[in-house]
N, C-alpha and C. Protein backbone atom coordinates (compact mmCIF):
# COMPACT_ATOMS: atom_id res chain seq x y z
N UNK A 1 -67.07 -47.99 50.89
CA UNK A 1 -68.33 -47.68 51.28
C UNK A 1 -69.68 -48.28 49.90
N UNK A 2 -70.74 -48.19 50.37
CA UNK A 2 -71.94 -48.30 49.72
C UNK A 2 -73.06 -47.58 49.62
N UNK A 3 -73.70 -47.57 49.04
CA UNK A 3 -74.75 -46.65 48.03
C UNK A 3 -76.23 -46.86 49.11
N UNK A 4 -77.39 -46.28 49.83
CA UNK A 4 -78.84 -47.01 49.60
C UNK A 4 -78.83 -48.49 49.41
N UNK A 5 -78.56 -48.41 47.21
CA UNK A 5 -78.56 -49.63 47.45
C UNK A 5 -77.49 -50.80 47.70
N UNK A 6 -76.98 -50.34 48.22
CA UNK A 6 -75.87 -51.40 48.79
C UNK A 6 -74.85 -52.11 47.65
N UNK A 7 -74.49 -50.74 46.91
CA UNK A 7 -73.91 -51.20 46.13
C UNK A 7 -72.14 -50.13 46.47
N UNK A 8 -70.93 -50.50 46.09
CA UNK A 8 -69.65 -50.42 46.11
C UNK A 8 -70.16 -48.60 44.94
N UNK A 9 -68.97 -47.96 45.86
CA UNK A 9 -69.06 -46.47 44.94
C UNK A 9 -68.66 -46.83 43.86
N UNK A 10 -67.23 -48.01 43.36
CA UNK A 10 -67.25 -48.22 41.77
C UNK A 10 -68.43 -49.26 41.50
N UNK A 11 -69.17 -49.70 42.11
CA UNK A 11 -69.94 -50.17 41.58
C UNK A 11 -71.66 -49.24 40.32
N UNK A 12 -71.97 -48.47 41.27
CA UNK A 12 -72.75 -47.19 41.26
C UNK A 12 -72.10 -45.99 40.12
N UNK A 13 -70.98 -46.29 39.04
CA UNK A 13 -71.01 -44.67 38.55
C UNK A 13 -70.89 -45.64 37.27
N UNK A 14 -70.69 -45.25 36.17
CA UNK A 14 -70.88 -45.72 35.28
C UNK A 14 -70.07 -46.65 34.47
N UNK A 15 -69.91 -47.79 33.94
CA UNK A 15 -68.61 -48.64 34.62
C UNK A 15 -67.23 -48.21 33.50
N UNK A 16 -68.18 -47.99 31.59
CA UNK A 16 -66.89 -47.84 30.94
C UNK A 16 -66.98 -46.70 30.38
N UNK A 17 -66.77 -45.80 31.16
CA UNK A 17 -66.91 -44.34 31.10
C UNK A 17 -65.62 -43.07 31.60
N UNK A 18 -65.17 -42.70 30.85
CA UNK A 18 -63.69 -42.36 30.94
C UNK A 18 -64.29 -40.55 30.74
N UNK A 19 -63.30 -39.84 30.98
CA UNK A 19 -63.42 -37.97 30.30
C UNK A 19 -61.97 -37.60 29.87
N UNK A 20 -62.81 -37.40 28.72
CA UNK A 20 -60.95 -36.46 28.12
C UNK A 20 -61.71 -35.13 27.72
N UNK A 21 -60.45 -34.35 28.16
CA UNK A 21 -60.61 -33.03 27.73
C UNK A 21 -59.67 -32.49 27.01
N UNK A 22 -59.94 -31.64 25.75
CA UNK A 22 -59.30 -31.26 24.46
C UNK A 22 -59.90 -30.10 23.95
N UNK A 23 -59.03 -28.90 23.22
CA UNK A 23 -59.34 -28.11 22.75
C UNK A 23 -59.11 -28.44 21.42
N UNK A 24 -59.95 -27.93 20.18
CA UNK A 24 -60.16 -28.50 19.37
C UNK A 24 -60.55 -27.29 18.55
N UNK A 25 -60.74 -27.68 16.50
CA UNK A 25 -60.93 -27.12 16.37
C UNK A 25 -62.42 -27.38 15.77
N UNK A 26 -63.85 -27.13 14.87
CA UNK A 26 -64.57 -27.04 14.59
C UNK A 26 -64.83 -27.24 13.03
N UNK A 27 -65.23 -28.03 12.44
CA UNK A 27 -65.58 -27.34 10.83
C UNK A 27 -66.99 -26.87 10.65
N UNK A 28 -67.46 -25.71 10.06
CA UNK A 28 -68.88 -25.47 9.79
C UNK A 28 -69.57 -26.84 9.49
N UNK A 29 -70.64 -26.36 10.25
CA UNK A 29 -72.21 -27.80 9.89
C UNK A 29 -71.96 -28.25 8.32
N UNK A 30 -72.12 -26.92 7.58
CA UNK A 30 -72.10 -27.66 6.21
C UNK A 30 -70.58 -28.40 5.95
N UNK A 31 -69.92 -27.82 5.96
CA UNK A 31 -68.58 -28.32 5.79
C UNK A 31 -68.20 -29.76 6.62
N UNK A 32 -68.98 -30.23 7.42
CA UNK A 32 -69.21 -31.30 8.59
C UNK A 32 -70.14 -31.87 7.47
N UNK A 33 -70.47 -31.82 7.08
CA UNK A 33 -72.20 -32.84 6.45
C UNK A 33 -71.26 -33.22 4.71
N UNK A 34 -70.19 -32.24 4.08
CA UNK A 34 -69.36 -32.67 3.03
C UNK A 34 -68.73 -33.28 3.05
N UNK A 35 -67.60 -33.21 4.23
CA UNK A 35 -67.17 -34.21 4.67
C UNK A 35 -67.29 -35.44 4.76
N UNK A 36 -67.98 -35.29 6.15
CA UNK A 36 -69.08 -36.66 6.56
C UNK A 36 -69.68 -37.28 4.54
N UNK A 37 -69.93 -37.07 4.11
CA UNK A 37 -70.16 -37.49 2.27
C UNK A 37 -69.37 -38.04 1.54
N UNK A 38 -68.58 -37.70 1.87
CA UNK A 38 -66.92 -38.00 1.41
C UNK A 38 -66.28 -39.32 2.34
N UNK A 39 -66.56 -39.62 3.34
CA UNK A 39 -65.99 -40.63 3.99
C UNK A 39 -66.66 -41.78 4.01
N UNK A 40 -68.21 -41.40 3.83
CA UNK A 40 -68.62 -42.87 3.22
C UNK A 40 -68.59 -43.23 2.52
N UNK A 41 -68.49 -42.38 0.98
CA UNK A 41 -67.57 -43.22 -0.14
C UNK A 41 -66.64 -43.93 -0.08
N UNK A 42 -65.75 -43.37 0.83
CA UNK A 42 -64.56 -44.29 0.95
C UNK A 42 -64.42 -45.06 1.81
N UNK A 43 -65.30 -44.52 3.83
CA UNK A 43 -65.48 -46.08 4.45
C UNK A 43 -65.24 -47.26 4.20
N UNK A 44 -66.15 -48.08 3.40
CA UNK A 44 -66.11 -49.42 2.74
C UNK A 44 -66.64 -49.79 3.70
N UNK A 45 -68.04 -49.41 4.87
CA UNK A 45 -68.90 -49.27 5.71
C UNK A 45 -67.92 -49.75 7.22
N UNK A 46 -67.35 -49.07 7.15
CA UNK A 46 -66.90 -48.95 8.36
C UNK A 46 -67.17 -47.70 9.17
N UNK A 47 -67.30 -48.03 10.95
CA UNK A 47 -68.02 -46.62 11.46
C UNK A 47 -67.24 -45.68 11.35
N UNK A 48 -67.92 -44.36 10.38
CA UNK A 48 -67.41 -43.36 10.31
C UNK A 48 -67.81 -42.56 12.03
N UNK A 49 -67.05 -41.37 11.72
CA UNK A 49 -67.07 -39.90 13.17
C UNK A 49 -68.13 -39.44 13.03
N UNK A 50 -69.14 -39.25 13.61
CA UNK A 50 -70.20 -38.44 13.57
C UNK A 50 -69.97 -36.89 13.41
N UNK A 51 -71.23 -36.84 12.53
CA UNK A 51 -71.11 -35.35 12.12
C UNK A 51 -70.93 -33.98 13.31
N UNK A 52 -71.43 -34.47 14.40
CA UNK A 52 -70.95 -33.35 15.13
C UNK A 52 -69.70 -33.71 15.73
N UNK A 53 -68.88 -34.98 16.15
CA UNK A 53 -67.79 -35.00 16.04
C UNK A 53 -67.15 -35.02 15.37
N UNK A 54 -67.14 -34.15 14.36
CA UNK A 54 -65.69 -33.95 14.10
C UNK A 54 -64.20 -32.90 14.12
N UNK A 55 -63.33 -32.76 14.35
CA UNK A 55 -62.85 -31.95 15.23
C UNK A 55 -61.15 -32.16 14.66
N UNK A 56 -60.17 -31.37 14.82
CA UNK A 56 -58.99 -31.36 14.80
C UNK A 56 -58.26 -30.77 16.41
N UNK A 57 -57.82 -31.97 15.95
CA UNK A 57 -57.85 -31.72 18.46
C UNK A 57 -55.88 -30.67 18.45
N UNK A 58 -55.95 -29.74 19.02
CA UNK A 58 -55.21 -28.83 19.54
C UNK A 58 -54.14 -28.59 20.59
N UNK A 59 -54.81 -29.61 21.03
CA UNK A 59 -53.95 -29.89 22.69
C UNK A 59 -54.92 -30.76 23.20
N UNK A 60 -55.16 -32.32 24.36
CA UNK A 60 -55.22 -33.12 24.89
C UNK A 60 -55.04 -33.27 26.51
N UNK A 61 -55.54 -33.88 26.91
CA UNK A 61 -54.96 -34.00 28.83
C UNK A 61 -54.98 -35.63 28.71
N UNK A 62 -54.84 -36.09 29.47
CA UNK A 62 -54.77 -38.22 29.79
C UNK A 62 -56.70 -37.88 29.85
N UNK A 63 -56.65 -39.12 30.05
CA UNK A 63 -58.06 -39.58 30.74
C UNK A 63 -58.38 -39.23 31.64
N UNK A 64 -59.48 -38.87 33.03
CA UNK A 64 -59.77 -39.07 33.72
C UNK A 64 -60.74 -40.19 34.36
N UNK A 65 -61.01 -40.56 35.55
CA UNK A 65 -61.65 -42.00 35.64
C UNK A 65 -62.91 -40.92 36.39
N UNK A 66 -62.75 -39.94 37.29
CA UNK A 66 -64.26 -39.13 36.99
C UNK A 66 -64.12 -37.47 36.37
N UNK A 67 -65.31 -37.38 36.73
CA UNK A 67 -65.47 -35.78 35.81
C UNK A 67 -64.45 -34.61 36.72
N UNK A 68 -63.90 -34.57 35.73
CA UNK A 68 -62.49 -33.61 36.48
C UNK A 68 -63.02 -31.87 36.29
N UNK A 69 -63.33 -31.09 37.09
CA UNK A 69 -63.91 -29.87 37.54
C UNK A 69 -62.88 -28.83 37.05
N UNK A 70 -62.04 -29.66 38.23
CA UNK A 70 -60.82 -28.52 38.49
C UNK A 70 -60.37 -28.20 37.20
N UNK A 71 -59.72 -29.50 37.01
CA UNK A 71 -58.98 -29.61 35.12
C UNK A 71 -60.00 -28.91 34.62
N UNK A 72 -61.40 -28.80 34.35
CA UNK A 72 -61.68 -27.55 33.35
C UNK A 72 -61.90 -26.46 33.68
N UNK A 73 -62.13 -26.44 35.05
CA UNK A 73 -62.06 -24.23 35.57
C UNK A 73 -60.58 -23.77 35.08
N UNK A 74 -59.42 -24.56 35.15
CA UNK A 74 -58.14 -24.26 35.24
C UNK A 74 -57.94 -24.75 33.35
N UNK A 75 -58.72 -25.55 32.47
CA UNK A 75 -58.27 -25.39 30.93
C UNK A 75 -59.47 -24.21 30.66
N UNK A 76 -60.03 -23.56 31.29
CA UNK A 76 -60.98 -22.25 30.54
C UNK A 76 -60.53 -21.34 31.43
N UNK A 77 -59.85 -21.28 32.00
CA UNK A 77 -59.09 -19.74 32.69
C UNK A 77 -57.46 -19.89 31.67
N UNK A 78 -57.34 -21.54 30.92
CA UNK A 78 -56.22 -20.59 29.91
C UNK A 78 -56.72 -20.69 28.81
N UNK A 79 -58.19 -20.69 28.26
CA UNK A 79 -58.65 -20.31 27.16
C UNK A 79 -58.94 -19.37 27.39
N UNK A 80 -59.83 -18.34 27.97
CA UNK A 80 -59.84 -17.42 27.79
C UNK A 80 -58.43 -16.05 27.12
N UNK A 81 -57.41 -17.33 28.13
CA UNK A 81 -56.18 -15.74 27.43
C UNK A 81 -55.22 -16.44 26.39
N UNK A 82 -55.96 -16.94 25.70
CA UNK A 82 -54.43 -17.38 24.80
C UNK A 82 -55.72 -16.15 23.42
N UNK A 83 -55.18 -14.94 22.15
CA UNK A 83 -55.17 -15.10 21.82
C UNK A 83 -54.28 -15.22 19.88
N UNK A 84 -55.46 -14.94 19.42
CA UNK A 84 -54.48 -15.36 18.15
C UNK A 84 -55.79 -15.50 16.55
N UNK A 85 -54.79 -15.44 15.73
CA UNK A 85 -55.89 -14.46 14.81
C UNK A 85 -56.31 -15.87 14.10
N UNK A 86 -57.42 -14.98 13.13
CA UNK A 86 -58.39 -16.58 12.44
C UNK A 86 -57.58 -16.71 10.87
N UNK A 87 -58.52 -17.40 10.63
CA UNK A 87 -57.17 -18.41 9.37
C UNK A 87 -57.83 -19.30 8.64
N UNK A 88 -57.49 -19.08 7.30
CA UNK A 88 -58.23 -20.02 6.77
C UNK A 88 -57.31 -21.80 6.45
N UNK A 89 -58.33 -23.15 6.83
CA UNK A 89 -57.71 -23.96 7.21
C UNK A 89 -58.39 -25.10 6.02
N UNK A 90 -57.21 -25.78 5.12
CA UNK A 90 -57.76 -25.78 3.82
C UNK A 90 -56.85 -27.48 4.26
N UNK A 91 -58.32 -28.49 4.81
CA UNK A 91 -58.09 -29.74 5.01
C UNK A 91 -57.75 -31.31 3.30
N UNK A 92 -56.49 -31.30 2.25
CA UNK A 92 -57.07 -31.34 1.76
C UNK A 92 -55.78 -32.43 0.69
N UNK A 93 -55.23 -33.44 1.89
CA UNK A 93 -54.16 -34.28 2.02
C UNK A 93 -55.09 -35.69 2.93
N UNK A 94 -55.40 -36.77 2.14
CA UNK A 94 -56.29 -38.14 2.91
C UNK A 94 -55.03 -38.69 2.98
N UNK A 95 -54.70 -39.03 4.69
CA UNK A 95 -54.14 -40.38 4.94
C UNK A 95 -54.34 -41.26 5.83
N UNK A 96 -54.46 -42.15 5.38
CA UNK A 96 -55.13 -43.88 5.33
C UNK A 96 -53.97 -44.24 6.57
N UNK A 97 -53.54 -44.72 7.57
CA UNK A 97 -52.86 -45.49 8.39
C UNK A 97 -53.10 -47.01 8.42
N UNK A 98 -52.86 -47.66 9.85
CA UNK A 98 -52.86 -49.51 9.60
C UNK A 98 -54.73 -49.16 10.43
N UNK A 99 -54.07 -48.27 10.93
CA UNK A 99 -55.68 -47.84 12.12
C UNK A 99 -56.52 -46.99 11.84
N UNK A 100 -56.73 -45.58 10.60
CA UNK A 100 -57.48 -45.15 10.43
C UNK A 100 -57.34 -44.50 9.36
N UNK A 101 -58.57 -43.07 9.14
CA UNK A 101 -58.63 -42.50 7.96
C UNK A 101 -58.28 -40.86 8.61
N UNK A 102 -57.62 -40.25 7.83
CA UNK A 102 -57.78 -38.80 8.54
C UNK A 102 -57.91 -38.08 7.61
N UNK A 103 -58.07 -36.44 7.54
CA UNK A 103 -57.96 -36.09 6.34
C UNK A 103 -56.79 -34.68 6.93
N UNK A 104 -56.37 -34.35 6.32
CA UNK A 104 -55.13 -33.09 6.98
C UNK A 104 -54.41 -32.16 5.73
N UNK A 105 -53.83 -30.67 6.50
CA UNK A 105 -53.15 -30.38 5.42
C UNK A 105 -52.32 -30.43 4.84
N UNK A 106 -52.59 -30.11 3.26
CA UNK A 106 -51.19 -31.03 2.80
C UNK A 106 -50.13 -29.15 2.41
N UNK A 107 -50.30 -28.44 3.54
CA UNK A 107 -49.30 -27.49 3.80
C UNK A 107 -49.37 -26.87 5.18
N UNK A 108 -47.91 -26.32 5.23
CA UNK A 108 -48.03 -25.79 6.25
C UNK A 108 -48.98 -24.68 6.79
N UNK A 109 -49.64 -24.07 8.14
CA UNK A 109 -50.69 -23.32 8.11
C UNK A 109 -49.90 -22.45 9.42
N UNK A 110 -48.88 -21.84 9.01
CA UNK A 110 -48.77 -20.77 10.10
C UNK A 110 -49.25 -21.05 11.18
N UNK A 111 -50.53 -20.07 11.07
CA UNK A 111 -51.39 -19.98 12.03
C UNK A 111 -51.63 -20.90 12.57
N UNK A 112 -51.97 -21.60 12.56
CA UNK A 112 -52.21 -22.80 13.21
C UNK A 112 -51.81 -23.37 14.31
N UNK A 113 -50.16 -23.68 13.44
CA UNK A 113 -49.53 -24.04 14.66
C UNK A 113 -49.40 -22.42 15.65
N UNK A 114 -49.21 -21.59 14.93
CA UNK A 114 -49.24 -20.09 16.82
C UNK A 114 -50.10 -20.57 17.26
N UNK A 115 -51.56 -20.54 17.10
CA UNK A 115 -52.38 -21.08 17.83
C UNK A 115 -52.39 -22.59 19.07
N UNK A 116 -51.95 -23.42 17.82
CA UNK A 116 -51.20 -24.65 18.98
C UNK A 116 -50.52 -24.25 20.28
N UNK A 117 -49.92 -23.96 20.08
CA UNK A 117 -48.43 -23.17 20.51
C UNK A 117 -49.32 -22.54 21.74
N UNK A 118 -49.84 -21.68 22.13
CA UNK A 118 -50.03 -20.06 22.45
C UNK A 118 -51.06 -21.42 23.10
N UNK A 119 -52.14 -22.28 22.76
CA UNK A 119 -52.62 -23.29 23.51
C UNK A 119 -52.01 -24.20 24.53
N UNK A 120 -51.20 -25.16 23.95
CA UNK A 120 -49.99 -26.04 24.90
C UNK A 120 -49.35 -24.91 26.02
N UNK A 121 -49.38 -23.55 25.58
CA UNK A 121 -48.92 -23.07 27.04
C UNK A 121 -49.01 -23.02 27.50
N UNK A 122 -50.46 -21.84 27.20
CA UNK A 122 -51.38 -21.14 28.50
C UNK A 122 -52.21 -23.38 29.13
N UNK A 123 -52.21 -24.00 29.08
CA UNK A 123 -52.40 -24.97 29.74
C UNK A 123 -51.38 -25.21 30.65
N UNK A 124 -49.87 -25.70 29.96
CA UNK A 124 -49.05 -25.62 30.99
C UNK A 124 -49.12 -24.25 31.86
N UNK A 125 -49.71 -22.94 31.88
CA UNK A 125 -48.79 -22.45 32.61
C UNK A 125 -50.07 -22.05 34.22
N UNK A 126 -51.76 -22.97 33.62
CA UNK A 126 -52.56 -23.62 33.81
C UNK A 126 -52.19 -24.51 35.17
N UNK A 127 -51.41 -25.39 34.66
CA UNK A 127 -50.74 -26.71 35.78
C UNK A 127 -51.16 -27.64 35.45
N UNK A 128 -51.85 -27.68 34.13
CA UNK A 128 -52.11 -28.75 33.13
C UNK A 128 -51.67 -29.53 32.16
N UNK A 129 -51.45 -30.89 32.33
CA UNK A 129 -50.13 -31.40 31.63
C UNK A 129 -51.27 -32.34 30.47
N UNK A 130 -49.87 -31.76 29.32
CA UNK A 130 -51.07 -32.82 28.05
C UNK A 130 -50.46 -34.02 28.29
N UNK A 131 -52.05 -34.93 27.51
CA UNK A 131 -51.03 -36.21 27.52
C UNK A 131 -49.44 -36.87 27.26
N UNK A 132 -49.37 -37.31 28.27
CA UNK A 132 -48.00 -38.40 27.58
C UNK A 132 -47.62 -38.68 26.28
N UNK A 133 -46.73 -38.46 25.79
CA UNK A 133 -46.31 -38.88 23.96
C UNK A 133 -47.76 -38.39 23.67
N UNK A 134 -48.19 -37.28 23.36
CA UNK A 134 -48.83 -36.62 22.15
C UNK A 134 -48.30 -35.81 21.76
N UNK A 135 -48.29 -35.59 20.39
CA UNK A 135 -47.61 -34.55 19.62
C UNK A 135 -48.72 -33.52 18.78
N UNK A 136 -48.35 -32.64 18.14
CA UNK A 136 -49.66 -31.93 17.41
C UNK A 136 -49.37 -32.54 15.67
N UNK A 137 -50.22 -32.89 15.41
CA UNK A 137 -50.31 -33.50 14.12
C UNK A 137 -51.69 -33.28 13.37
N UNK A 138 -51.57 -31.74 13.16
CA UNK A 138 -52.81 -31.86 12.89
C UNK A 138 -53.69 -32.05 11.40
N UNK A 139 -55.09 -32.70 12.14
CA UNK A 139 -55.42 -33.97 11.27
C UNK A 139 -57.33 -33.67 12.18
N UNK A 140 -58.61 -34.53 11.12
CA UNK A 140 -59.63 -34.66 11.55
C UNK A 140 -60.12 -36.21 11.27
N UNK A 141 -59.62 -37.07 12.18
CA UNK A 141 -59.85 -38.74 11.61
C UNK A 141 -61.84 -38.73 11.16
N UNK A 142 -61.38 -39.30 10.48
CA UNK A 142 -62.61 -39.39 9.26
C UNK A 142 -63.32 -40.89 9.93
N UNK A 143 -62.71 -42.11 10.00
CA UNK A 143 -63.20 -43.27 10.30
C UNK A 143 -61.63 -44.20 10.98
N UNK A 144 -62.00 -45.13 11.40
CA UNK A 144 -61.08 -46.22 12.27
C UNK A 144 -61.41 -47.74 11.30
N UNK A 145 -60.51 -48.42 10.71
CA UNK A 145 -60.29 -49.33 10.38
C UNK A 145 -59.33 -50.29 10.38
N UNK A 146 -58.97 -51.17 10.20
CA UNK A 146 -57.68 -51.99 10.02
C UNK A 146 -57.45 -51.92 8.71
N UNK A 147 -56.55 -52.10 7.40
CA UNK A 147 -56.13 -51.39 6.26
C UNK A 147 -54.47 -51.37 5.91
N UNK A 148 -54.60 -51.62 4.28
CA UNK A 148 -53.42 -51.41 3.83
C UNK A 148 -52.91 -49.00 3.97
N UNK A 149 -51.53 -48.96 4.39
CA UNK A 149 -51.41 -47.27 4.74
C UNK A 149 -52.18 -47.11 2.90
N UNK A 150 -52.46 -45.31 3.27
CA UNK A 150 -52.39 -44.96 2.12
C UNK A 150 -52.20 -43.43 2.24
N UNK A 151 -51.93 -42.38 0.90
CA UNK A 151 -51.62 -41.11 1.77
C UNK A 151 -51.69 -40.48 0.16
N UNK A 152 -52.93 -39.41 -0.22
CA UNK A 152 -52.84 -38.95 -1.75
C UNK A 152 -53.98 -38.00 -2.21
N UNK A 153 -53.46 -36.17 -2.70
CA UNK A 153 -54.22 -35.36 -2.86
C UNK A 153 -55.79 -35.97 -2.14
N UNK A 154 -56.50 -34.64 -1.90
CA UNK A 154 -58.19 -35.11 -2.49
C UNK A 154 -58.29 -33.47 -2.37
N UNK A 155 -59.26 -33.05 -3.30
CA UNK A 155 -60.01 -31.50 -3.06
C UNK A 155 -59.88 -31.02 -1.94
N UNK A 156 -60.43 -31.80 -1.27
CA UNK A 156 -60.47 -31.70 0.43
C UNK A 156 -61.59 -30.37 1.15
N UNK A 157 -61.62 -29.93 1.80
CA UNK A 157 -62.19 -29.22 2.69
C UNK A 157 -62.15 -28.05 3.03
N UNK A 158 -62.52 -27.32 3.79
CA UNK A 158 -61.50 -25.49 3.34
C UNK A 158 -63.16 -24.77 4.67
N UNK A 159 -62.47 -23.94 5.29
CA UNK A 159 -63.45 -22.91 6.60
C UNK A 159 -62.27 -22.41 6.86
N UNK A 160 -62.69 -20.88 7.11
CA UNK A 160 -62.20 -19.73 7.76
C UNK A 160 -62.93 -20.28 9.40
N UNK A 161 -61.02 -20.47 10.07
CA UNK A 161 -61.46 -20.76 11.72
C UNK A 161 -61.42 -19.08 12.40
N UNK A 162 -62.37 -19.00 13.05
CA UNK A 162 -62.67 -18.33 13.71
C UNK A 162 -62.79 -18.29 15.58
N UNK A 163 -62.81 -20.31 15.43
CA UNK A 163 -62.87 -20.36 16.84
C UNK A 163 -62.28 -21.45 17.24
N UNK A 164 -61.48 -21.38 18.83
CA UNK A 164 -61.40 -22.83 18.88
C UNK A 164 -62.28 -23.31 20.32
N UNK A 165 -62.66 -24.27 20.75
CA UNK A 165 -63.16 -24.95 21.81
C UNK A 165 -63.17 -25.65 22.78
N UNK A 166 -62.74 -26.01 23.90
CA UNK A 166 -62.98 -26.96 25.06
C UNK A 166 -64.27 -28.10 25.04
N UNK A 167 -63.57 -29.70 24.34
CA UNK A 167 -64.23 -30.09 24.73
C UNK A 167 -63.74 -31.92 26.05
N UNK A 168 -65.43 -31.89 26.08
CA UNK A 168 -65.24 -33.01 27.11
C UNK A 168 -65.73 -34.56 26.39
N UNK A 169 -64.62 -35.11 25.59
CA UNK A 169 -65.25 -36.46 25.73
C UNK A 169 -65.48 -37.70 26.41
N UNK A 170 -66.81 -37.79 26.55
CA UNK A 170 -67.59 -38.87 27.88
C UNK A 170 -66.99 -40.09 26.70
N UNK A 171 -65.81 -40.66 27.51
CA UNK A 171 -65.50 -42.00 26.06
C UNK A 171 -65.69 -42.71 26.55
N UNK A 172 -66.16 -43.88 25.87
CA UNK A 172 -67.41 -45.33 25.73
C UNK A 172 -68.88 -44.70 25.75
N UNK A 173 -68.81 -43.17 25.41
CA UNK A 173 -70.42 -42.95 25.73
C UNK A 173 -70.81 -42.34 24.46
N UNK A 174 -70.10 -41.78 23.85
CA UNK A 174 -69.93 -41.17 22.40
C UNK A 174 -70.86 -40.14 22.50
N UNK A 175 -70.61 -39.40 23.40
CA UNK A 175 -71.20 -38.02 23.99
C UNK A 175 -69.73 -37.01 23.83
N UNK A 176 -69.59 -35.46 23.30
CA UNK A 176 -68.91 -34.85 23.40
C UNK A 176 -69.20 -33.11 23.64
N UNK A 177 -68.98 -33.18 24.63
CA UNK A 177 -69.93 -32.00 25.93
C UNK A 177 -68.95 -30.48 25.62
N UNK A 178 -69.40 -29.37 24.48
CA UNK A 178 -68.36 -28.61 24.36
C UNK A 178 -68.87 -27.69 25.89
N UNK A 179 -67.84 -27.29 26.59
CA UNK A 179 -67.45 -26.55 27.17
C UNK A 179 -67.20 -24.93 27.37
N UNK A 180 -66.38 -24.79 26.09
CA UNK A 180 -66.42 -23.67 26.14
C UNK A 180 -65.96 -23.35 24.63
N UNK A 181 -66.75 -21.78 24.18
CA UNK A 181 -65.85 -21.36 22.72
C UNK A 181 -65.54 -19.79 22.88
N UNK A 182 -64.26 -20.02 22.11
CA UNK A 182 -63.16 -18.47 22.19
C UNK A 182 -63.08 -18.06 20.42
N UNK A 183 -63.86 -16.40 20.10
CA UNK A 183 -63.24 -16.22 19.69
C UNK A 183 -61.94 -15.78 19.23
N UNK A 184 -61.79 -16.44 17.65
CA UNK A 184 -60.09 -15.50 17.26
C UNK A 184 -60.47 -14.50 16.68
N UNK A 185 -60.13 -12.91 17.17
CA UNK A 185 -60.25 -11.78 17.19
C UNK A 185 -58.28 -10.87 17.10
N UNK A 186 -57.33 -11.89 16.77
CA UNK A 186 -55.95 -11.36 16.98
C UNK A 186 -55.61 -10.62 18.30
N UNK A 187 -54.12 -10.48 18.10
CA UNK A 187 -53.41 -9.94 18.95
C UNK A 187 -53.99 -8.74 20.04
N UNK A 188 -55.04 -8.33 19.28
CA UNK A 188 -56.01 -7.32 20.24
C UNK A 188 -57.29 -7.86 20.68
N UNK A 189 -57.49 -8.96 20.22
CA UNK A 189 -58.99 -9.33 21.20
C UNK A 189 -59.49 -8.90 22.52
N UNK A 190 -58.16 -8.77 22.74
CA UNK A 190 -59.18 -7.97 24.20
C UNK A 190 -58.85 -6.69 24.61
N UNK A 191 -58.32 -6.20 23.64
CA UNK A 191 -58.01 -4.05 23.60
C UNK A 191 -59.25 -3.81 23.77
N UNK A 192 -59.47 -2.24 25.13
CA UNK A 192 -60.10 -1.62 25.34
C UNK A 192 -60.92 -0.70 23.67
N UNK A 193 -59.85 -0.11 22.85
CA UNK A 193 -59.76 0.69 21.82
C UNK A 193 -59.76 -0.36 20.64
């Protein structure tokens, strides 16, 4: 099929864009800037994750070639049903692998795990499968680069987590579209009294 310019459907759409949906936690603006300053001090010229893209992924889908309207609607329904307690999160372990550097919590955060499990269950209940092979390992990527692995404690960055969001990453366009945000109010968050 061709459009009015004689291009086929595949030729007329942006070529390298995929759409990746994920639930995430985002640090406050202040914490994101402080994290970026820390990343800059250790990145050695590697391109850092943009301040407004910093996040901790809670659940992620496979990439979609076309904008996934139906999947977005299902995930928005799923997110609306998630009830969880707010909590404090501190990322105080620097973990550098062969491809990237990330901040991770040095201790188990039970309420973070509970939130992630609820989101994963709601996603599955909405008929949306998570990315094959993906498993939850809480971290916030700072930058990508090749280099020797290293792990160490750092002073870290923390914030009070009182919301989570659904984001659509326009892969290849460095654009994150926040689709919805939900406030964490505990198990009674939808109580009338």
